[in-house]
N, C-alpha and C. Protein backbone atom coordinates (compact mmCIF):
# COMPACT_ATOMS: atom_id res chain seq x y z
N MET A 1 62.37 10.44 168.57
CA MET A 1 62.28 11.83 168.90
C MET A 1 63.33 12.69 168.21
N GLU A 2 64.57 12.13 168.05
CA GLU A 2 65.61 12.87 167.39
C GLU A 2 65.33 13.05 165.93
N ARG A 3 64.71 12.06 165.31
CA ARG A 3 64.41 12.14 163.84
C ARG A 3 63.35 13.21 163.65
N LYS A 4 62.32 13.41 164.51
CA LYS A 4 61.37 14.44 164.38
C LYS A 4 61.99 15.82 164.51
N ALA A 5 62.92 15.98 165.36
CA ALA A 5 63.58 17.28 165.58
C ALA A 5 64.41 17.59 164.36
N ARG A 6 65.10 16.64 163.71
CA ARG A 6 65.84 16.93 162.48
C ARG A 6 65.00 17.30 161.41
N ARG A 7 63.83 16.64 161.25
CA ARG A 7 62.88 17.01 160.15
C ARG A 7 62.39 18.39 160.38
N LYS A 8 62.07 18.79 161.60
CA LYS A 8 61.60 20.13 161.83
C LYS A 8 62.59 21.15 161.47
N ILE A 9 63.89 20.88 161.89
CA ILE A 9 64.97 21.86 161.65
C ILE A 9 65.22 21.92 160.14
N SER A 10 65.15 20.79 159.42
CA SER A 10 65.35 20.76 157.97
C SER A 10 64.25 21.57 157.25
N ALA A 11 63.01 21.39 157.71
CA ALA A 11 61.95 22.12 157.12
C ALA A 11 62.02 23.51 157.30
N SER A 12 62.40 23.95 158.57
CA SER A 12 62.56 25.38 158.86
C SER A 12 63.70 25.96 158.07
N ALA A 13 64.76 25.18 157.89
CA ALA A 13 65.91 25.76 157.11
C ALA A 13 65.58 25.83 155.66
N LEU A 14 64.75 24.96 155.18
CA LEU A 14 64.39 25.00 153.77
C LEU A 14 63.36 26.20 153.54
N ALA A 15 62.48 26.43 154.50
CA ALA A 15 61.49 27.54 154.35
C ALA A 15 62.27 28.85 154.45
N LEU A 16 63.29 29.02 155.31
CA LEU A 16 64.07 30.19 155.48
C LEU A 16 64.89 30.52 154.25
N GLY A 17 65.50 29.42 153.67
CA GLY A 17 66.23 29.54 152.47
C GLY A 17 65.34 30.02 151.25
N ALA A 18 64.16 29.49 151.18
CA ALA A 18 63.19 29.93 150.09
C ALA A 18 62.87 31.39 150.32
N LEU A 19 62.62 31.80 151.57
CA LEU A 19 62.33 33.22 151.71
C LEU A 19 63.48 34.12 151.48
N LEU A 20 64.64 33.75 151.74
CA LEU A 20 65.81 34.56 151.41
C LEU A 20 66.10 34.64 149.92
N LEU A 21 65.66 33.69 149.06
CA LEU A 21 65.89 33.69 147.76
C LEU A 21 64.73 34.38 146.99
N ALA A 22 63.59 34.44 147.63
CA ALA A 22 62.44 35.14 146.99
C ALA A 22 62.61 36.58 146.99
N PRO A 23 62.42 37.27 145.79
CA PRO A 23 62.42 38.72 145.80
C PRO A 23 61.17 39.26 146.37
N SER A 24 61.22 40.54 146.71
CA SER A 24 60.04 41.18 147.27
C SER A 24 59.44 42.14 146.20
N CYS A 25 58.23 42.58 146.45
CA CYS A 25 57.57 43.54 145.58
C CYS A 25 58.22 44.88 145.73
N MET A 26 58.56 45.65 144.58
CA MET A 26 59.08 46.96 144.69
C MET A 26 58.63 47.73 143.44
N THR A 27 58.75 49.03 143.52
CA THR A 27 58.49 49.92 142.40
C THR A 27 59.44 51.07 142.28
N PHE A 28 59.92 51.35 141.14
CA PHE A 28 60.84 52.51 140.91
C PHE A 28 60.00 53.33 139.90
N ARG A 29 59.87 54.66 140.25
CA ARG A 29 59.14 55.60 139.27
C ARG A 29 60.07 56.67 138.81
N HIS A 30 60.09 56.95 137.51
CA HIS A 30 60.85 58.07 137.01
C HIS A 30 59.97 58.98 136.19
N LYS A 31 60.05 60.25 136.36
CA LYS A 31 59.22 61.21 135.54
C LYS A 31 60.11 61.97 134.63
N VAL A 32 59.73 61.91 133.31
CA VAL A 32 60.44 62.55 132.28
C VAL A 32 59.66 63.82 131.94
N HIS A 33 60.34 64.95 131.97
CA HIS A 33 59.82 66.28 131.73
C HIS A 33 58.63 66.58 132.67
N ASN A 34 57.41 66.75 132.17
CA ASN A 34 56.29 67.00 133.11
C ASN A 34 55.59 65.76 133.51
N GLY A 35 56.03 64.58 133.20
CA GLY A 35 55.31 63.29 133.50
C GLY A 35 54.17 63.11 132.55
N PRO A 36 53.39 62.12 132.81
CA PRO A 36 52.38 61.74 131.85
C PRO A 36 51.24 62.78 131.74
N LEU A 37 50.92 63.07 130.52
CA LEU A 37 49.82 64.11 130.34
C LEU A 37 48.52 63.49 129.94
N GLY A 38 48.49 62.17 129.63
CA GLY A 38 47.30 61.46 129.28
C GLY A 38 47.11 60.20 130.11
N THR A 39 46.31 59.25 129.57
CA THR A 39 46.05 58.12 130.28
C THR A 39 46.51 56.81 129.62
N VAL A 40 47.35 57.03 128.58
CA VAL A 40 47.80 55.84 127.79
C VAL A 40 48.91 55.13 128.52
N GLN A 41 48.87 53.80 128.58
CA GLN A 41 49.86 53.02 129.18
C GLN A 41 50.41 51.94 128.28
N VAL A 42 51.71 51.66 128.30
CA VAL A 42 52.28 50.60 127.56
C VAL A 42 53.12 49.83 128.49
N GLN A 43 52.93 48.48 128.50
CA GLN A 43 53.61 47.58 129.51
C GLN A 43 54.34 46.45 128.81
N LYS A 44 55.57 46.19 129.34
CA LYS A 44 56.33 45.11 128.78
C LYS A 44 57.03 44.42 129.96
N GLU A 45 57.48 43.14 129.71
CA GLU A 45 58.22 42.48 130.79
C GLU A 45 59.66 42.40 130.43
N GLN A 46 60.53 42.48 131.46
CA GLN A 46 61.95 42.42 131.24
C GLN A 46 62.47 41.17 132.02
N TYR A 47 63.22 40.31 131.34
CA TYR A 47 63.75 39.15 132.10
C TYR A 47 65.20 39.34 132.29
N PHE A 48 65.72 38.75 133.37
CA PHE A 48 67.08 38.83 133.74
C PHE A 48 67.62 37.40 134.17
N PHE A 49 68.88 37.15 133.75
CA PHE A 49 69.60 35.93 133.99
C PHE A 49 70.48 36.13 135.22
N LEU A 50 70.83 35.11 135.92
CA LEU A 50 71.70 35.08 137.10
C LEU A 50 71.17 36.03 138.14
N PHE A 51 69.84 35.89 138.45
CA PHE A 51 69.08 36.69 139.45
C PHE A 51 69.25 38.20 139.32
N GLY A 52 69.25 38.66 138.05
CA GLY A 52 69.27 40.11 137.80
C GLY A 52 70.49 40.65 137.33
N LEU A 53 71.58 39.87 137.24
CA LEU A 53 72.93 40.38 136.78
C LEU A 53 72.98 40.66 135.30
N VAL A 54 72.38 39.76 134.46
CA VAL A 54 72.49 39.86 133.09
C VAL A 54 71.13 40.05 132.42
N PRO A 55 70.77 41.18 131.76
CA PRO A 55 69.49 41.33 131.20
C PRO A 55 69.32 40.48 129.93
N LEU A 56 68.11 39.84 129.72
CA LEU A 56 67.84 39.06 128.64
C LEU A 56 67.00 39.92 127.66
N GLY A 57 67.51 40.60 126.75
CA GLY A 57 66.75 41.46 125.96
C GLY A 57 66.72 42.87 126.58
N ARG A 58 66.28 43.86 125.83
CA ARG A 58 66.16 45.19 126.42
C ARG A 58 64.78 45.73 126.15
N VAL A 59 64.21 46.40 127.14
CA VAL A 59 63.02 47.11 127.02
C VAL A 59 63.30 48.54 126.74
N ASP A 60 62.98 49.03 125.53
CA ASP A 60 63.31 50.39 125.14
C ASP A 60 62.17 51.28 125.46
N THR A 61 62.37 51.99 126.67
CA THR A 61 61.31 52.88 127.19
C THR A 61 61.03 54.08 126.28
N ALA A 62 62.05 54.56 125.58
CA ALA A 62 61.97 55.69 124.74
C ALA A 62 61.07 55.31 123.51
N ALA A 63 61.26 54.09 123.03
CA ALA A 63 60.37 53.63 121.94
C ALA A 63 58.97 53.41 122.41
N MET A 64 58.83 53.00 123.66
CA MET A 64 57.44 52.73 124.12
C MET A 64 56.73 54.03 124.43
N ALA A 65 57.48 55.16 124.71
CA ALA A 65 56.90 56.41 124.96
C ALA A 65 56.72 57.24 123.65
N ALA A 66 57.25 56.92 122.55
CA ALA A 66 57.22 57.68 121.30
C ALA A 66 55.76 57.90 120.92
N PRO A 67 55.44 58.97 120.43
CA PRO A 67 56.23 60.20 120.07
C PRO A 67 56.17 61.19 121.16
N HIS A 68 55.65 60.84 122.38
CA HIS A 68 55.49 61.80 123.50
C HIS A 68 56.87 62.13 124.10
N LYS A 69 56.99 63.34 124.62
CA LYS A 69 58.19 63.78 125.27
C LYS A 69 58.09 63.83 126.73
N SER A 70 56.84 63.86 127.28
CA SER A 70 56.65 63.90 128.73
C SER A 70 55.85 62.59 129.06
N TYR A 71 56.49 61.82 129.94
CA TYR A 71 55.92 60.49 130.35
C TYR A 71 56.53 60.06 131.59
N SER A 72 56.02 58.98 132.19
CA SER A 72 56.74 58.37 133.36
C SER A 72 57.03 56.96 133.14
N ILE A 73 57.99 56.43 133.80
CA ILE A 73 58.37 55.09 133.67
C ILE A 73 58.29 54.38 135.05
N GLU A 74 57.63 53.29 135.12
CA GLU A 74 57.56 52.47 136.33
C GLU A 74 58.19 51.10 136.08
N THR A 75 59.23 50.85 136.90
CA THR A 75 59.80 49.50 136.88
C THR A 75 59.41 48.91 138.16
N GLU A 76 58.64 47.80 138.00
CA GLU A 76 58.11 47.18 139.33
C GLU A 76 58.26 45.68 139.29
N PHE A 77 58.37 45.14 140.46
CA PHE A 77 58.33 43.69 140.67
C PHE A 77 57.02 43.38 141.34
N THR A 78 56.03 42.93 140.52
CA THR A 78 54.72 42.68 140.97
C THR A 78 54.60 41.30 141.49
N PHE A 79 53.31 40.97 142.05
CA PHE A 79 53.07 39.67 142.53
C PHE A 79 53.12 38.64 141.42
N THR A 80 52.66 38.99 140.27
CA THR A 80 52.72 38.12 139.16
C THR A 80 54.20 37.81 138.75
N ASP A 81 54.99 38.84 138.73
CA ASP A 81 56.50 38.65 138.48
C ASP A 81 57.03 37.74 139.53
N LEU A 82 56.63 37.77 140.77
CA LEU A 82 57.07 36.95 141.83
C LEU A 82 56.76 35.49 141.50
N LEU A 83 55.48 35.26 141.02
CA LEU A 83 55.08 33.89 140.80
C LEU A 83 55.89 33.29 139.56
N VAL A 84 56.01 34.10 138.56
CA VAL A 84 56.79 33.69 137.35
C VAL A 84 58.24 33.36 137.77
N SER A 85 58.80 34.31 138.55
CA SER A 85 60.19 34.15 138.94
C SER A 85 60.34 32.93 139.80
N ALA A 86 59.36 32.59 140.59
CA ALA A 86 59.49 31.47 141.46
C ALA A 86 59.65 30.18 140.69
N PHE A 87 58.90 30.09 139.52
CA PHE A 87 59.03 28.96 138.67
C PHE A 87 60.38 28.95 137.86
N LEU A 88 60.86 30.17 137.51
CA LEU A 88 62.07 30.26 136.74
C LEU A 88 63.32 30.31 137.55
N SER A 89 63.21 30.43 138.89
CA SER A 89 64.45 30.59 139.76
C SER A 89 65.38 29.47 139.70
N PRO A 90 65.02 28.22 139.40
CA PRO A 90 66.04 27.12 139.29
C PRO A 90 66.95 27.46 138.08
N LEU A 91 66.43 28.18 137.05
CA LEU A 91 67.24 28.64 135.90
C LEU A 91 67.85 29.97 136.16
N THR A 92 67.79 30.49 137.36
CA THR A 92 68.29 31.80 137.85
C THR A 92 67.74 32.96 136.94
N ILE A 93 66.51 32.78 136.55
CA ILE A 93 65.87 33.82 135.71
C ILE A 93 64.76 34.51 136.55
N VAL A 94 64.72 35.88 136.48
CA VAL A 94 63.74 36.71 137.24
C VAL A 94 63.07 37.61 136.24
N ARG A 95 61.89 38.06 136.57
CA ARG A 95 61.13 38.98 135.62
C ARG A 95 60.73 40.22 136.37
N GLN A 96 60.71 41.38 135.66
CA GLN A 96 60.19 42.64 136.15
C GLN A 96 59.29 43.15 135.05
N THR A 97 58.32 44.00 135.54
CA THR A 97 57.40 44.66 134.61
C THR A 97 57.72 46.17 134.48
N VAL A 98 57.80 46.59 133.21
CA VAL A 98 58.11 47.99 132.94
C VAL A 98 56.85 48.64 132.26
N THR A 99 56.43 49.71 132.88
CA THR A 99 55.22 50.41 132.37
C THR A 99 55.53 51.82 132.08
N VAL A 100 55.26 52.29 130.85
CA VAL A 100 55.32 53.63 130.45
C VAL A 100 53.98 54.30 130.44
N LYS A 101 53.82 55.43 131.12
CA LYS A 101 52.50 56.14 131.08
C LYS A 101 52.79 57.46 130.39
N LYS A 102 51.94 57.72 129.33
CA LYS A 102 52.14 58.82 128.49
C LYS A 102 50.96 59.88 128.72
């Protein structure tokens, strides 16, 4: 009986730990000047090391929006990013999606 209780507690603690380490879905939106005037979208992925503390490479949103001066930027953590980050989390790497709408 005691062995079953320990297993149940261990499984619960493991599940709770996994939930605490898993990032949630989020979106940040920024509008530059008048915002997007068309329907063109450019999307890139941004990777971070140490669970978001150190960026691995840079996504240049100004270059993604060129030559337009009015656009919007969405930085989001999508379900796909969650799946990729779940596999890369032992390496402390997470991924975000950056979308520029022009």
